[in-house]
């Protein structure tokens, strides 16, 4: 069985779906949830499921490699970013080569890069009057949203859709696909 660590900054609805997907799964389980925000809702979701949590700070994450020891303690094989807003440092990308994935709320390579997360993405899609949007699951490298694309799913947009409407449509796709794509990747390794 593989052990997954989820990195998240926010409320954790994707993390919740992933945790539930792997609860009774022989392929893997979520063994650790890591956040850079003490008040992140994802920490409460993990606590309800009795999953250990870890709060990290910027200095430790970028100036040391201490987190690798912590991941080793939990025998982490695979890292999932679910709304984690910090760039992965080179040492993490190298230590977990092709074992760190992220979900992005747009069809990369469009609407990606620094500052393009959450509602920023949906407002940009809306402003450009796109007729479709979607989500992208990709490998993580040392640059925002530039790792190899693993999977994309699309949704149609109406001219009357607000950024909030777009966000709801994209989140539905994320919840529908992210956990299964993670499982498929783990089974391939």
Protein backbone atom coordinates (compact mmCIF):
# COMPACT_ATOMS: atom_id res chain seq x y z
CA UNK A 1 0.00 0.00 0.00
CA UNK A 2 1.23 3.47 -0.93
CA UNK A 3 1.09 6.41 1.46
CA UNK A 4 -0.15 9.79 0.24
CA UNK A 5 0.55 13.22 1.69
CA UNK A 6 -1.86 15.98 0.73
CA UNK A 7 -0.57 19.56 0.75
CA UNK A 8 -3.36 22.15 0.97
CA UNK A 9 -3.80 25.78 1.95
CA UNK A 10 -7.57 26.23 1.96
CA UNK A 11 -10.85 24.59 2.83
CA UNK A 12 -9.94 21.20 1.48
CA UNK A 13 -12.93 20.02 -0.53
CA UNK A 14 -10.65 18.23 -3.00
CA UNK A 15 -8.64 16.80 -0.11
CA UNK A 16 -11.89 15.52 1.42
CA UNK A 17 -12.80 13.72 -1.82
CA UNK A 18 -9.33 12.18 -2.02
CA UNK A 19 -9.40 11.07 1.62
CA UNK A 20 -12.80 9.44 1.14
CA UNK A 21 -11.76 7.80 -2.13
CA UNK A 22 -8.84 6.05 -0.45
CA UNK A 23 -10.53 5.17 2.87
CA UNK A 24 -11.26 1.57 1.88
CA UNK A 25 -8.81 1.24 -0.97
CA UNK A 26 -6.02 -1.33 -1.16
CA UNK A 27 -3.87 0.79 -3.48
CA UNK A 28 -3.17 3.69 -1.14
CA UNK A 29 -4.28 5.77 1.80
CA UNK A 30 -3.90 9.37 2.86
CA UNK A 31 -1.39 9.22 5.71
CA UNK A 32 -0.61 12.91 6.24
CA UNK A 33 -2.12 16.33 5.52
CA UNK A 34 0.25 19.30 5.38
CA UNK A 35 -0.71 22.96 5.35
CA UNK A 36 1.09 26.27 5.42
CA UNK A 37 -1.89 27.91 7.11
CA UNK A 38 -2.86 27.18 10.74
CA UNK A 39 -6.51 28.06 10.10
CA UNK A 40 -6.93 26.02 6.89
CA UNK A 41 -10.20 24.11 6.81
CA UNK A 42 -8.37 21.09 5.42
CA UNK A 43 -6.83 20.53 8.87
CA UNK A 44 -10.28 20.10 10.42
CA UNK A 45 -11.28 17.70 7.66
CA UNK A 46 -8.16 15.62 8.35
CA UNK A 47 -8.80 15.63 12.11
CA UNK A 48 -12.32 14.28 11.60
CA UNK A 49 -10.79 11.35 9.67
CA UNK A 50 -7.97 10.88 12.25
CA UNK A 51 -5.28 11.74 9.72
CA UNK A 52 -2.12 13.31 11.16
CA UNK A 53 -1.47 16.90 10.16
CA UNK A 54 1.58 19.10 9.93
CA UNK A 55 1.86 22.89 9.73
CA UNK A 56 4.88 24.17 7.82
CA UNK A 57 6.37 27.63 7.63
CA UNK A 58 7.98 29.29 4.64
CA UNK A 59 11.47 29.53 6.09
CA UNK A 60 11.69 25.85 7.00
CA UNK A 61 10.14 24.75 3.70
CA UNK A 62 12.50 26.76 1.51
CA UNK A 63 15.67 27.09 3.61
CA UNK A 64 15.95 23.51 4.92
CA UNK A 65 15.06 20.02 3.78
CA UNK A 66 13.59 19.02 7.15
CA UNK A 67 10.24 18.18 5.63
CA UNK A 68 11.80 15.22 3.80
CA UNK A 69 12.50 13.58 7.18
CA UNK A 70 8.92 14.17 8.23
CA UNK A 71 7.61 12.67 5.00
CA UNK A 72 9.93 9.71 5.53
CA UNK A 73 8.53 9.22 9.04
CA UNK A 74 5.10 8.72 7.51
CA UNK A 75 6.53 6.57 4.68
CA UNK A 76 5.11 8.96 2.07
CA UNK A 77 5.33 7.61 -1.48
CA UNK A 78 3.21 10.16 -3.33
CA UNK A 79 2.40 13.86 -2.85
CA UNK A 80 -0.86 15.46 -3.92
CA UNK A 81 -1.30 19.23 -4.05
CA UNK A 82 -4.91 20.23 -3.48
CA UNK A 83 -5.03 23.99 -3.41
CA UNK A 84 -1.50 24.43 -2.08
CA UNK A 85 -0.29 27.87 -3.13
CA UNK A 86 3.46 27.64 -2.56
CA UNK A 87 5.91 26.70 -5.28
CA UNK A 88 7.56 23.32 -4.67
CA UNK A 89 11.29 23.71 -3.96
CA UNK A 90 13.78 21.88 -6.17
CA UNK A 91 14.78 19.42 -3.44
CA UNK A 92 11.13 18.25 -3.14
CA UNK A 93 10.68 17.90 -6.89
CA UNK A 94 13.89 15.85 -7.15
CA UNK A 95 13.17 13.68 -4.10
CA UNK A 96 9.69 12.86 -5.39
CA UNK A 97 10.33 12.90 -9.14
CA UNK A 98 7.06 12.19 -10.99
CA UNK A 99 5.38 11.56 -7.65
CA UNK A 100 4.02 15.05 -7.02
CA UNK A 101 0.82 16.07 -8.76
CA UNK A 102 -1.28 19.21 -8.74
CA UNK A 103 -4.74 20.17 -9.91
CA UNK A 104 -5.25 23.50 -11.66
CA UNK A 105 -8.70 25.08 -12.26
CA UNK A 106 -8.18 25.79 -15.97
CA UNK A 107 -7.09 24.12 -19.16
CA UNK A 108 -3.33 24.58 -19.03
CA UNK A 109 -1.21 26.00 -20.50
CA UNK A 110 -3.78 28.81 -20.58
CA UNK A 111 -4.50 30.67 -17.35
CA UNK A 112 -1.56 29.23 -15.45
CA UNK A 113 1.46 30.67 -13.69
CA UNK A 114 2.19 32.77 -10.64
CA UNK A 115 -0.93 34.35 -9.18
CA UNK A 116 -3.27 32.23 -11.28
CA UNK A 117 -5.20 30.26 -8.69
CA UNK A 118 -8.79 30.03 -7.49
CA UNK A 119 -11.05 32.90 -8.42
CA UNK A 120 -8.21 34.73 -10.17
CA UNK A 121 -8.36 32.03 -12.83
CA UNK A 122 -12.14 32.05 -13.13
CA UNK A 123 -12.27 35.85 -13.40
CA UNK A 124 -9.65 35.72 -16.19
CA UNK A 125 -11.58 33.02 -18.06
CA UNK A 126 -14.76 35.08 -17.70
CA UNK A 127 -13.07 38.31 -18.84
CA UNK A 128 -11.76 36.53 -21.95
CA UNK A 129 -15.30 35.36 -22.74
CA UNK A 130 -14.16 31.75 -23.11
CA UNK A 131 -16.76 29.24 -24.25
CA UNK A 132 -15.16 26.42 -22.26
CA UNK A 133 -13.01 25.91 -19.22
CA UNK A 134 -12.02 22.93 -17.16
CA UNK A 135 -9.32 21.53 -14.98
CA UNK A 136 -5.85 20.09 -15.47
CA UNK A 137 -4.02 17.50 -13.41
CA UNK A 138 -0.28 17.78 -13.96
CA UNK A 139 3.07 16.73 -12.57
CA UNK A 140 4.79 19.34 -10.44
CA UNK A 141 8.15 20.84 -11.29
CA UNK A 142 10.01 23.93 -10.05
CA UNK A 143 7.71 26.33 -11.95
CA UNK A 144 4.06 27.17 -11.42
CA UNK A 145 1.78 25.06 -13.62
CA UNK A 146 4.46 23.97 -16.09
CA UNK A 147 4.80 20.26 -15.27
CA UNK A 148 3.69 17.62 -17.74
CA UNK A 149 -0.07 17.36 -18.23
CA UNK A 150 -1.57 14.08 -17.05
CA UNK A 151 -5.31 14.65 -17.53
CA UNK A 152 -7.76 17.39 -18.51
CA UNK A 153 -11.53 17.62 -18.34
CA UNK A 154 -13.63 20.34 -19.98
CA UNK A 155 -16.95 22.03 -19.36
CA UNK A 156 -18.97 24.34 -21.58
CA UNK A 157 -19.52 27.91 -20.51
CA UNK A 158 -22.48 30.12 -21.26
CA UNK A 159 -22.19 33.85 -21.90
CA UNK A 160 -24.31 34.36 -18.79
CA UNK A 161 -21.94 32.38 -16.52
CA UNK A 162 -20.34 34.49 -13.81
CA UNK A 163 -16.88 33.71 -12.40
CA UNK A 164 -18.70 31.99 -9.51
CA UNK A 165 -20.66 29.84 -11.98
CA UNK A 166 -17.43 28.91 -13.74
CA UNK A 167 -15.83 28.02 -10.40
CA UNK A 168 -18.72 25.68 -9.54
CA UNK A 169 -18.53 23.91 -12.90
CA UNK A 170 -14.76 23.44 -12.66
CA UNK A 171 -14.91 22.27 -9.03
CA UNK A 172 -17.44 19.63 -10.03
CA UNK A 173 -14.94 18.31 -12.60
CA UNK A 174 -12.15 18.35 -10.01
CA UNK A 175 -14.23 16.33 -7.54
CA UNK A 176 -15.26 13.92 -10.27
CA UNK A 177 -11.77 13.13 -11.57
CA UNK A 178 -8.86 14.00 -9.23
CA UNK A 179 -8.99 11.03 -6.85
CA UNK A 180 -9.38 8.48 -9.64
CA UNK A 181 -6.49 9.92 -11.64
CA UNK A 182 -4.33 9.76 -8.50
CA UNK A 183 -5.28 6.12 -8.02
CA UNK A 184 -4.48 5.33 -11.64
CA UNK A 185 -1.04 6.96 -11.31
CA UNK A 186 -0.29 5.06 -8.10
CA UNK A 187 -1.29 1.75 -9.67
CA UNK A 188 1.07 2.45 -12.60
CA UNK A 189 4.09 2.84 -10.29
